[in-house]
Amino acid sequence: MNYERLAIPDVVLMTPRVFGDDRGFFMETFRHSEFVKHCGEHTFVQDNHSKSGHGILRGLHYQLRQPQGKLVRVTHGEVYDVAVDLRRSSPTFGQWVGALLNADNRQMLWVPPGFAHGFYVTSEEAEFQYKCTDYYAPGDEYSLHWNDAELAIDWPLVSGEPITSAKDEQGSSLADAPVFD
C-alpha cells in the first residue's frame, strides 16, 4: 500500500498494490499495523455501504460529540471525495482537499476525526464503502452546505446543480457551523 499525505497532511490517499492476471485480481485493502504507522492509532467500529446515482452529492457531514474518522473507497463507479478541516486549532482550518476515487484506481481516502466529509457521483452510479472510528449518532449530525462560498470547493459538477437531500440543502455555512476546538 502506498500512503500519500495530501495538502492537508492528516488526510491520506492510499493506493493499494493490485496483483492481477486473466483470472482477476487480488489486493489488500487494510492492514492495521501499516494504517497505524501512516495514519495514527484508530480503531474502526462500523462499516457502511451506500449506492448513489449520477449527479448525487452527499455531505458535507460530520459528528461533533462523537467525531468519526472514515476510511472511504469506491467499489463500483466513481466519486469526487472531499474532506474539510473543521479543527479550529489546525493551521488548515476551513481548507479542503479532494480526490477522485473509482473502482479502477482502487484508491482509498483516510478522513480523520475533526473533518466534514462528502462526495459527488461522477459516474452513472457508484457504490461507496467506508469504515468509521465511531458509531453513527443521529442526534449528533451536522452538515456544511456543499456550495458554501467561504469553502469554495471545486466540485466537478457534470451538469448544473447536484442532487442533494433536503437535509443537506439546509447545511450550515462554515461561518455558522459548530466546529471542533
N, C-alpha and C. Protein backbone atom coordinates (compact mmCIF):
# COMPACT_ATOMS: atom_id res chain seq x y z
N MET A 1 0.85 -1.17 0.00
CA MET A 1 0.00 0.00 0.00
C MET A 1 0.90 1.23 0.00
N ASN A 2 0.57 2.19 -0.84
CA ASN A 2 1.27 3.46 -0.84
C ASN A 2 0.41 4.48 -0.09
N TYR A 3 1.02 5.21 0.83
CA TYR A 3 0.32 6.22 1.63
C TYR A 3 0.84 7.59 1.22
N GLU A 4 -0.05 8.47 0.76
CA GLU A 4 0.35 9.80 0.30
C GLU A 4 -0.42 10.86 1.09
N ARG A 5 0.32 11.69 1.81
CA ARG A 5 -0.30 12.80 2.54
C ARG A 5 -0.69 13.88 1.53
N LEU A 6 -1.89 14.41 1.67
CA LEU A 6 -2.37 15.42 0.73
C LEU A 6 -2.03 16.82 1.25
N ALA A 7 -2.58 17.85 0.62
CA ALA A 7 -2.29 19.25 1.01
C ALA A 7 -2.64 19.51 2.48
N ILE A 8 -3.65 18.83 2.97
CA ILE A 8 -3.91 18.80 4.42
C ILE A 8 -3.28 17.49 4.87
N PRO A 9 -2.12 17.54 5.54
CA PRO A 9 -1.31 16.34 5.77
C PRO A 9 -1.99 15.22 6.56
N ASP A 10 -3.01 15.53 7.35
CA ASP A 10 -3.69 14.48 8.11
C ASP A 10 -4.62 13.64 7.23
N VAL A 11 -4.94 14.12 6.05
CA VAL A 11 -5.76 13.38 5.10
C VAL A 11 -4.80 12.60 4.20
N VAL A 12 -5.02 11.29 4.11
CA VAL A 12 -4.07 10.42 3.43
C VAL A 12 -4.76 9.65 2.30
N LEU A 13 -4.18 9.72 1.11
CA LEU A 13 -4.65 8.95 -0.03
C LEU A 13 -3.86 7.64 -0.06
N MET A 14 -4.58 6.54 -0.07
CA MET A 14 -3.96 5.22 -0.03
C MET A 14 -4.18 4.51 -1.37
N THR A 15 -3.11 4.02 -1.94
CA THR A 15 -3.18 3.29 -3.21
C THR A 15 -2.67 1.88 -2.98
N PRO A 16 -3.55 0.89 -3.11
CA PRO A 16 -3.12 -0.49 -2.87
C PRO A 16 -2.31 -1.05 -4.05
N ARG A 17 -1.49 -2.03 -3.74
CA ARG A 17 -0.82 -2.81 -4.79
C ARG A 17 -1.83 -3.85 -5.25
N VAL A 18 -2.05 -3.89 -6.56
CA VAL A 18 -3.03 -4.82 -7.13
C VAL A 18 -2.28 -5.87 -7.92
N PHE A 19 -2.58 -7.12 -7.65
CA PHE A 19 -1.98 -8.25 -8.34
C PHE A 19 -3.06 -8.88 -9.21
N GLY A 20 -2.87 -8.81 -10.53
CA GLY A 20 -3.90 -9.32 -11.41
C GLY A 20 -3.36 -10.17 -12.53
N ASP A 21 -4.23 -11.01 -13.05
CA ASP A 21 -3.95 -11.79 -14.25
C ASP A 21 -5.29 -12.05 -14.94
N ASP A 22 -5.31 -12.99 -15.90
CA ASP A 22 -6.53 -13.22 -16.65
C ASP A 22 -7.66 -13.80 -15.81
N ARG A 23 -7.38 -14.22 -14.58
CA ARG A 23 -8.41 -14.74 -13.69
C ARG A 23 -9.09 -13.65 -12.87
N GLY A 24 -8.45 -12.49 -12.76
CA GLY A 24 -9.00 -11.42 -11.94
C GLY A 24 -7.89 -10.69 -11.21
N PHE A 25 -8.14 -10.29 -9.97
CA PHE A 25 -7.13 -9.56 -9.21
C PHE A 25 -7.25 -9.86 -7.73
N PHE A 26 -6.20 -9.49 -6.99
CA PHE A 26 -6.17 -9.55 -5.54
C PHE A 26 -5.52 -8.27 -5.06
N MET A 27 -6.04 -7.73 -3.95
CA MET A 27 -5.39 -6.59 -3.31
C MET A 27 -5.73 -6.61 -1.83
N GLU A 28 -4.80 -6.13 -1.05
CA GLU A 28 -5.04 -5.97 0.39
C GLU A 28 -5.66 -4.59 0.58
N THR A 29 -6.80 -4.52 1.25
CA THR A 29 -7.47 -3.22 1.43
C THR A 29 -7.23 -2.60 2.79
N PHE A 30 -6.74 -3.38 3.75
CA PHE A 30 -6.49 -2.80 5.07
C PHE A 30 -5.55 -3.70 5.84
N ARG A 31 -4.55 -3.09 6.46
CA ARG A 31 -3.64 -3.77 7.38
C ARG A 31 -3.44 -2.82 8.55
N HIS A 32 -3.93 -3.21 9.72
CA HIS A 32 -3.94 -2.32 10.88
C HIS A 32 -2.56 -1.75 11.21
N SER A 33 -1.53 -2.58 11.23
CA SER A 33 -0.20 -2.11 11.63
C SER A 33 0.32 -1.02 10.68
N GLU A 34 0.10 -1.17 9.39
CA GLU A 34 0.54 -0.16 8.42
C GLU A 34 -0.31 1.11 8.51
N PHE A 35 -1.62 0.91 8.71
CA PHE A 35 -2.51 2.06 8.85
C PHE A 35 -2.09 2.91 10.05
N VAL A 36 -1.82 2.27 11.18
CA VAL A 36 -1.39 2.99 12.39
C VAL A 36 -0.09 3.75 12.12
N LYS A 37 0.84 3.12 11.43
CA LYS A 37 2.13 3.76 11.15
C LYS A 37 1.96 5.02 10.29
N HIS A 38 1.03 5.01 9.35
CA HIS A 38 0.88 6.12 8.41
C HIS A 38 -0.26 7.09 8.75
N CYS A 39 -1.25 6.63 9.51
CA CYS A 39 -2.44 7.46 9.75
C CYS A 39 -2.75 7.68 11.22
N GLY A 40 -2.13 6.94 12.12
CA GLY A 40 -2.37 7.12 13.54
C GLY A 40 -3.15 5.96 14.14
N GLU A 41 -3.20 5.97 15.45
CA GLU A 41 -3.85 4.90 16.21
C GLU A 41 -5.36 5.12 16.22
N HIS A 42 -6.06 4.39 15.38
CA HIS A 42 -7.52 4.47 15.29
C HIS A 42 -8.08 3.07 15.18
N THR A 43 -9.24 2.86 15.76
CA THR A 43 -9.93 1.58 15.69
C THR A 43 -11.26 1.79 14.98
N PHE A 44 -11.57 0.93 14.05
CA PHE A 44 -12.82 1.02 13.31
C PHE A 44 -13.89 0.19 14.00
N VAL A 45 -15.10 0.76 14.12
CA VAL A 45 -16.19 0.09 14.83
C VAL A 45 -17.42 -0.14 13.97
N GLN A 46 -17.46 0.45 12.78
CA GLN A 46 -18.65 0.34 11.93
C GLN A 46 -18.23 0.44 10.47
N ASP A 47 -18.81 -0.43 9.63
CA ASP A 47 -18.62 -0.38 8.18
C ASP A 47 -19.95 -0.03 7.53
N ASN A 48 -19.90 0.83 6.50
CA ASN A 48 -21.10 1.27 5.79
C ASN A 48 -20.91 1.09 4.30
N HIS A 49 -22.04 0.96 3.59
CA HIS A 49 -22.03 0.77 2.15
C HIS A 49 -23.22 1.52 1.59
N SER A 50 -23.00 2.42 0.63
CA SER A 50 -24.11 3.16 0.02
C SER A 50 -24.01 3.07 -1.49
N LYS A 51 -25.15 3.26 -2.14
CA LYS A 51 -25.21 3.30 -3.59
C LYS A 51 -25.92 4.59 -3.97
N SER A 52 -25.36 5.31 -4.94
CA SER A 52 -25.92 6.59 -5.36
C SER A 52 -25.84 6.69 -6.88
N GLY A 53 -26.77 7.44 -7.45
CA GLY A 53 -26.79 7.65 -8.89
C GLY A 53 -25.99 8.87 -9.32
N HIS A 54 -25.86 9.00 -10.62
CA HIS A 54 -25.11 10.09 -11.25
C HIS A 54 -25.62 11.47 -10.77
N GLY A 55 -24.69 12.35 -10.43
CA GLY A 55 -25.04 13.72 -10.06
C GLY A 55 -25.47 13.90 -8.62
N ILE A 56 -25.47 12.83 -7.84
CA ILE A 56 -25.87 12.94 -6.43
C ILE A 56 -24.67 13.40 -5.61
N LEU A 57 -24.92 14.35 -4.72
CA LEU A 57 -23.90 14.84 -3.80
C LEU A 57 -24.38 14.55 -2.39
N ARG A 58 -23.57 13.85 -1.63
CA ARG A 58 -23.87 13.54 -0.23
C ARG A 58 -22.86 14.27 0.64
N GLY A 59 -23.37 15.05 1.60
CA GLY A 59 -22.46 15.75 2.50
C GLY A 59 -22.66 17.25 2.44
N LEU A 60 -21.89 17.87 3.16
CA LEU A 60 -20.66 17.54 3.87
C LEU A 60 -21.00 17.23 5.34
N HIS A 61 -20.87 16.00 5.75
CA HIS A 61 -21.35 15.53 7.05
C HIS A 61 -20.24 15.41 8.09
N TYR A 62 -20.65 15.58 9.34
CA TYR A 62 -19.74 15.31 10.46
C TYR A 62 -20.53 15.17 11.74
N GLN A 63 -19.91 14.58 12.75
CA GLN A 63 -20.47 14.48 14.10
C GLN A 63 -19.52 15.22 15.02
N LEU A 64 -20.08 15.99 15.94
CA LEU A 64 -19.25 16.84 16.79
C LEU A 64 -18.85 16.17 18.11
N ARG A 65 -19.81 15.57 18.82
CA ARG A 65 -19.51 14.94 20.11
C ARG A 65 -18.93 13.54 19.94
N GLN A 66 -19.29 12.88 18.85
CA GLN A 66 -18.77 11.55 18.53
C GLN A 66 -18.13 11.61 17.14
N PRO A 67 -17.01 12.33 17.03
CA PRO A 67 -16.41 12.50 15.69
C PRO A 67 -16.00 11.16 15.09
N GLN A 68 -16.23 11.05 13.81
CA GLN A 68 -15.89 9.83 13.09
C GLN A 68 -14.72 10.06 12.14
N GLY A 69 -13.70 9.24 12.26
CA GLY A 69 -12.72 9.12 11.20
C GLY A 69 -13.29 8.15 10.20
N LYS A 70 -13.01 8.35 8.92
CA LYS A 70 -13.57 7.48 7.88
C LYS A 70 -12.49 7.06 6.90
N LEU A 71 -12.44 5.77 6.62
CA LEU A 71 -11.59 5.24 5.57
C LEU A 71 -12.54 4.86 4.44
N VAL A 72 -12.50 5.62 3.34
CA VAL A 72 -13.51 5.52 2.29
C VAL A 72 -12.93 4.96 1.00
N ARG A 73 -13.77 4.26 0.24
CA ARG A 73 -13.38 3.75 -1.07
C ARG A 73 -14.60 3.50 -1.93
N VAL A 74 -14.38 3.42 -3.23
CA VAL A 74 -15.44 3.17 -4.20
C VAL A 74 -15.19 1.79 -4.80
N THR A 75 -16.23 0.94 -4.78
CA THR A 75 -16.09 -0.41 -5.33
C THR A 75 -16.81 -0.57 -6.67
N HIS A 76 -17.60 0.43 -7.04
CA HIS A 76 -18.27 0.45 -8.35
C HIS A 76 -18.50 1.91 -8.72
N GLY A 77 -18.06 2.32 -9.91
CA GLY A 77 -18.27 3.69 -10.36
C GLY A 77 -17.17 4.63 -9.91
N GLU A 78 -17.55 5.93 -9.77
CA GLU A 78 -16.56 6.96 -9.46
C GLU A 78 -17.21 8.10 -8.69
N VAL A 79 -16.47 8.64 -7.74
CA VAL A 79 -16.91 9.82 -6.99
C VAL A 79 -15.75 10.78 -6.84
N TYR A 80 -16.11 12.06 -6.63
CA TYR A 80 -15.14 13.05 -6.20
C TYR A 80 -15.36 13.19 -4.71
N ASP A 81 -14.36 12.84 -3.92
CA ASP A 81 -14.48 12.78 -2.47
C ASP A 81 -13.79 13.98 -1.83
N VAL A 82 -14.43 14.59 -0.84
CA VAL A 82 -13.93 15.83 -0.25
C VAL A 82 -13.88 15.73 1.28
N ALA A 83 -12.81 16.26 1.86
CA ALA A 83 -12.66 16.39 3.31
C ALA A 83 -12.39 17.85 3.63
N VAL A 84 -13.10 18.39 4.64
CA VAL A 84 -12.95 19.78 5.07
C VAL A 84 -12.48 19.79 6.52
N ASP A 85 -11.38 20.47 6.79
CA ASP A 85 -10.82 20.54 8.14
C ASP A 85 -11.66 21.49 9.00
N LEU A 86 -12.27 20.94 10.06
CA LEU A 86 -13.10 21.74 10.97
C LEU A 86 -12.48 21.85 12.36
N ARG A 87 -11.17 21.63 12.45
CA ARG A 87 -10.47 21.75 13.73
C ARG A 87 -9.94 23.18 13.85
N ARG A 88 -10.60 24.00 14.66
CA ARG A 88 -10.26 25.42 14.77
C ARG A 88 -8.78 25.63 15.11
N SER A 89 -8.17 24.74 15.87
CA SER A 89 -6.77 24.90 16.26
C SER A 89 -5.79 24.45 15.16
N SER A 90 -6.30 23.94 14.06
CA SER A 90 -5.45 23.43 12.99
C SER A 90 -5.00 24.56 12.05
N PRO A 91 -3.77 24.51 11.55
CA PRO A 91 -3.32 25.52 10.58
C PRO A 91 -4.07 25.42 9.24
N THR A 92 -4.78 24.32 9.02
CA THR A 92 -5.54 24.15 7.77
C THR A 92 -7.05 24.25 8.01
N PHE A 93 -7.44 24.87 9.14
CA PHE A 93 -8.87 25.03 9.45
C PHE A 93 -9.60 25.70 8.27
N GLY A 94 -10.73 25.13 7.88
CA GLY A 94 -11.56 25.70 6.82
C GLY A 94 -11.08 25.37 5.42
N GLN A 95 -9.97 24.65 5.31
CA GLN A 95 -9.48 24.25 3.99
C GLN A 95 -10.02 22.86 3.64
N TRP A 96 -10.00 22.55 2.35
CA TRP A 96 -10.50 21.26 1.89
C TRP A 96 -9.50 20.61 0.94
N VAL A 97 -9.61 19.30 0.82
CA VAL A 97 -8.89 18.53 -0.18
C VAL A 97 -9.88 17.57 -0.82
N GLY A 98 -9.60 17.22 -2.08
CA GLY A 98 -10.47 16.30 -2.79
C GLY A 98 -9.66 15.29 -3.57
N ALA A 99 -10.29 14.15 -3.84
CA ALA A 99 -9.65 13.09 -4.62
C ALA A 99 -10.71 12.35 -5.42
N LEU A 100 -10.34 11.98 -6.63
CA LEU A 100 -11.21 11.18 -7.48
C LEU A 100 -10.98 9.71 -7.13
N LEU A 101 -11.99 9.08 -6.56
CA LEU A 101 -11.91 7.67 -6.18
C LEU A 101 -12.79 6.88 -7.13
N ASN A 102 -12.27 5.77 -7.63
CA ASN A 102 -13.10 4.95 -8.51
C ASN A 102 -12.71 3.49 -8.41
N ALA A 103 -13.53 2.64 -9.03
CA ALA A 103 -13.30 1.20 -8.98
C ALA A 103 -12.05 0.79 -9.74
N ASP A 104 -11.59 1.62 -10.67
CA ASP A 104 -10.38 1.30 -11.43
C ASP A 104 -9.10 1.65 -10.68
N ASN A 105 -9.04 2.85 -10.06
CA ASN A 105 -7.80 3.21 -9.36
C ASN A 105 -7.74 2.57 -7.97
N ARG A 106 -8.89 2.13 -7.46
CA ARG A 106 -8.99 1.40 -6.19
C ARG A 106 -8.40 2.16 -5.00
N GLN A 107 -8.26 3.47 -5.14
CA GLN A 107 -7.67 4.26 -4.06
C GLN A 107 -8.68 4.43 -2.92
N MET A 108 -8.12 4.68 -1.73
CA MET A 108 -8.92 4.93 -0.53
C MET A 108 -8.46 6.25 0.07
N LEU A 109 -9.36 6.90 0.78
CA LEU A 109 -9.01 8.16 1.42
C LEU A 109 -9.27 8.05 2.92
N TRP A 110 -8.25 8.41 3.71
CA TRP A 110 -8.41 8.48 5.17
C TRP A 110 -8.81 9.91 5.51
N VAL A 111 -10.01 10.04 6.10
CA VAL A 111 -10.54 11.32 6.55
C VAL A 111 -10.60 11.24 8.08
N PRO A 112 -9.70 11.92 8.79
CA PRO A 112 -9.61 11.78 10.24
C PRO A 112 -10.80 12.42 10.97
N PRO A 113 -10.99 12.06 12.24
CA PRO A 113 -11.98 12.77 13.05
C PRO A 113 -11.65 14.26 13.03
N GLY A 114 -12.69 15.10 13.07
CA GLY A 114 -12.47 16.55 13.04
C GLY A 114 -12.68 17.15 11.66
N PHE A 115 -13.10 16.34 10.71
CA PHE A 115 -13.33 16.78 9.35
C PHE A 115 -14.78 16.55 8.95
N ALA A 116 -15.29 17.43 8.08
CA ALA A 116 -16.55 17.16 7.41
C ALA A 116 -16.20 16.37 6.14
N HIS A 117 -17.11 15.54 5.70
CA HIS A 117 -16.85 14.67 4.55
C HIS A 117 -18.05 14.63 3.62
N GLY A 118 -17.77 14.59 2.32
CA GLY A 118 -18.83 14.44 1.34
C GLY A 118 -18.29 13.92 0.03
N PHE A 119 -19.21 13.51 -0.86
CA PHE A 119 -18.78 13.06 -2.17
C PHE A 119 -19.84 13.35 -3.21
N TYR A 120 -19.39 13.45 -4.46
CA TYR A 120 -20.23 13.72 -5.63
C TYR A 120 -20.01 12.60 -6.64
N VAL A 121 -21.11 12.01 -7.13
CA VAL A 121 -21.03 10.89 -8.05
C VAL A 121 -20.84 11.40 -9.48
N THR A 122 -19.71 11.03 -10.10
CA THR A 122 -19.40 11.47 -11.46
C THR A 122 -19.73 10.40 -12.50
N SER A 123 -19.95 9.17 -12.08
CA SER A 123 -20.28 8.07 -12.99
C SER A 123 -21.80 7.86 -13.02
N GLU A 124 -22.24 6.90 -13.81
CA GLU A 124 -23.67 6.57 -13.91
C GLU A 124 -24.25 6.24 -12.54
N GLU A 125 -23.51 5.49 -11.75
CA GLU A 125 -23.84 5.20 -10.36
C GLU A 125 -22.55 4.84 -9.65
N ALA A 126 -22.59 4.82 -8.33
CA ALA A 126 -21.39 4.48 -7.56
C ALA A 126 -21.79 3.76 -6.28
N GLU A 127 -20.96 2.78 -5.94
CA GLU A 127 -21.09 2.13 -4.64
C GLU A 127 -19.89 2.57 -3.81
N PHE A 128 -20.20 3.07 -2.62
CA PHE A 128 -19.25 3.74 -1.75
C PHE A 128 -19.20 2.97 -0.44
N GLN A 129 -18.02 2.56 -0.01
CA GLN A 129 -17.89 1.82 1.24
C GLN A 129 -16.93 2.54 2.16
N TYR A 130 -17.25 2.53 3.46
CA TYR A 130 -16.36 3.21 4.39
C TYR A 130 -16.43 2.61 5.79
N LYS A 131 -15.27 2.66 6.43
CA LYS A 131 -15.10 2.22 7.80
C LYS A 131 -15.11 3.47 8.69
N CYS A 132 -15.74 3.38 9.85
CA CYS A 132 -15.84 4.53 10.76
C CYS A 132 -15.21 4.21 12.11
N THR A 133 -14.62 5.24 12.72
CA THR A 133 -13.98 5.08 14.03
C THR A 133 -14.95 5.28 15.19
N ASP A 134 -16.16 5.73 14.92
CA ASP A 134 -17.18 5.83 15.96
C ASP A 134 -18.52 5.52 15.32
N TYR A 135 -19.50 5.24 16.16
CA TYR A 135 -20.81 4.86 15.67
C TYR A 135 -21.60 6.06 15.17
N TYR A 136 -22.48 5.81 14.24
CA TYR A 136 -23.40 6.83 13.77
C TYR A 136 -24.29 7.25 14.93
N ALA A 137 -24.40 8.54 15.15
CA ALA A 137 -25.21 9.08 16.25
C ALA A 137 -26.20 10.09 15.68
N PRO A 138 -27.45 9.69 15.44
CA PRO A 138 -28.43 10.56 14.78
C PRO A 138 -28.59 11.94 15.44
N GLY A 139 -28.45 12.03 16.74
CA GLY A 139 -28.61 13.31 17.43
C GLY A 139 -27.37 14.19 17.36
N ASP A 140 -26.33 13.71 16.72
CA ASP A 140 -25.06 14.43 16.66
C ASP A 140 -24.66 14.73 15.21
N GLU A 141 -25.64 14.81 14.33
CA GLU A 141 -25.38 15.05 12.91
C GLU A 141 -25.28 16.53 12.60
N TYR A 142 -24.28 16.88 11.83
CA TYR A 142 -24.13 18.25 11.34
C TYR A 142 -23.77 18.19 9.86
N SER A 143 -24.03 19.28 9.18
CA SER A 143 -23.74 19.32 7.75
C SER A 143 -23.33 20.73 7.35
N LEU A 144 -22.26 20.81 6.58
CA LEU A 144 -21.90 22.07 5.93
C LEU A 144 -22.58 22.10 4.57
N HIS A 145 -22.95 23.28 4.11
CA HIS A 145 -23.56 23.37 2.79
C HIS A 145 -22.49 23.12 1.74
N TRP A 146 -22.79 22.26 0.80
CA TRP A 146 -21.84 21.82 -0.23
C TRP A 146 -21.29 22.99 -1.06
N ASN A 147 -22.07 24.07 -1.15
CA ASN A 147 -21.71 25.19 -2.02
C ASN A 147 -21.37 26.46 -1.24
N ASP A 148 -20.91 26.30 -0.01
CA ASP A 148 -20.56 27.46 0.82
C ASP A 148 -19.44 28.26 0.14
N ALA A 149 -19.68 29.55 -0.07
CA ALA A 149 -18.71 30.41 -0.79
C ALA A 149 -17.37 30.49 -0.06
N GLU A 150 -17.39 30.44 1.27
CA GLU A 150 -16.13 30.53 2.02
C GLU A 150 -15.26 29.29 1.79
N LEU A 151 -15.89 28.12 1.65
CA LEU A 151 -15.14 26.90 1.37
C LEU A 151 -14.66 26.86 -0.08
N ALA A 152 -15.50 27.32 -1.00
CA ALA A 152 -15.17 27.38 -2.43
C ALA A 152 -14.64 26.05 -2.96
N ILE A 153 -15.37 24.98 -2.66
CA ILE A 153 -14.97 23.65 -3.14
C ILE A 153 -15.19 23.59 -4.65
N ASP A 154 -14.19 23.09 -5.34
CA ASP A 154 -14.24 22.99 -6.79
C ASP A 154 -14.82 21.62 -7.19
N TRP A 155 -16.11 21.44 -6.97
CA TRP A 155 -16.78 20.19 -7.32
C TRP A 155 -16.77 20.03 -8.84
N PRO A 156 -16.49 18.86 -9.36
CA PRO A 156 -16.51 18.64 -10.82
C PRO A 156 -17.92 18.35 -11.32
N LEU A 157 -18.81 19.31 -11.13
CA LEU A 157 -20.22 19.11 -11.50
C LEU A 157 -20.34 18.87 -12.99
N VAL A 158 -21.06 17.82 -13.33
CA VAL A 158 -21.21 17.43 -14.73
C VAL A 158 -22.28 18.25 -15.42
N SER A 159 -23.39 18.47 -14.74
CA SER A 159 -24.46 19.24 -15.37
C SER A 159 -25.29 19.96 -14.30
N GLY A 160 -25.13 21.27 -14.22
CA GLY A 160 -25.94 22.08 -13.29
C GLY A 160 -25.75 21.73 -11.84
N GLU A 161 -26.81 21.94 -11.08
CA GLU A 161 -26.80 21.70 -9.64
C GLU A 161 -26.81 20.20 -9.35
N PRO A 162 -26.11 19.78 -8.31
CA PRO A 162 -26.15 18.36 -7.94
C PRO A 162 -27.49 18.02 -7.29
N ILE A 163 -27.77 16.74 -7.19
CA ILE A 163 -28.95 16.25 -6.49
C ILE A 163 -28.55 16.04 -5.04
N THR A 164 -29.24 16.71 -4.12
CA THR A 164 -28.91 16.60 -2.70
C THR A 164 -30.18 16.26 -1.92
N SER A 165 -30.01 15.85 -0.69
CA SER A 165 -31.15 15.61 0.19
C SER A 165 -31.63 16.95 0.74
N ALA A 166 -32.87 16.97 1.22
CA ALA A 166 -33.40 18.19 1.85
C ALA A 166 -32.54 18.58 3.05
N LYS A 167 -32.09 17.59 3.80
CA LYS A 167 -31.25 17.85 4.98
C LYS A 167 -29.92 18.49 4.56
N ASP A 168 -29.31 17.97 3.52
CA ASP A 168 -28.03 18.53 3.07
C ASP A 168 -28.20 19.93 2.49
N GLU A 169 -29.34 20.20 1.88
CA GLU A 169 -29.60 21.53 1.33
C GLU A 169 -29.68 22.57 2.46
N GLN A 170 -29.98 22.12 3.67
CA GLN A 170 -30.08 23.02 4.83
C GLN A 170 -28.76 23.12 5.59
N GLY A 171 -27.68 22.61 5.02
CA GLY A 171 -26.38 22.66 5.69
C GLY A 171 -25.94 24.07 6.02
N SER A 172 -25.11 24.17 7.03
CA SER A 172 -24.62 25.46 7.52
C SER A 172 -23.46 25.97 6.66
N SER A 173 -23.25 27.27 6.74
CA SER A 173 -22.02 27.85 6.19
C SER A 173 -20.91 27.58 7.21
N LEU A 174 -19.68 27.63 6.77
CA LEU A 174 -18.56 27.46 7.69
C LEU A 174 -18.62 28.49 8.81
N ALA A 175 -18.99 29.72 8.48
CA ALA A 175 -19.05 30.80 9.48
C ALA A 175 -20.06 30.50 10.58
N ASP A 176 -21.13 29.78 10.26
CA ASP A 176 -22.20 29.49 11.24
C ASP A 176 -22.14 28.10 11.84
N ALA A 177 -21.26 27.27 11.37
CA ALA A 177 -21.23 25.86 11.79
C ALA A 177 -20.52 25.67 13.12
N PRO A 178 -21.04 24.78 13.95
CA PRO A 178 -20.25 24.39 15.14
C PRO A 178 -19.05 23.59 14.67
N VAL A 179 -17.89 23.85 15.25
CA VAL A 179 -16.65 23.20 14.82
C VAL A 179 -15.91 22.62 16.02
N PHE A 180 -14.83 21.93 15.76
CA PHE A 180 -14.01 21.32 16.80
C PHE A 180 -13.01 22.34 17.34
N ASP A 181 -12.60 22.19 18.60
CA ASP A 181 -11.60 23.10 19.20
C ASP A 181 -10.25 22.95 18.56
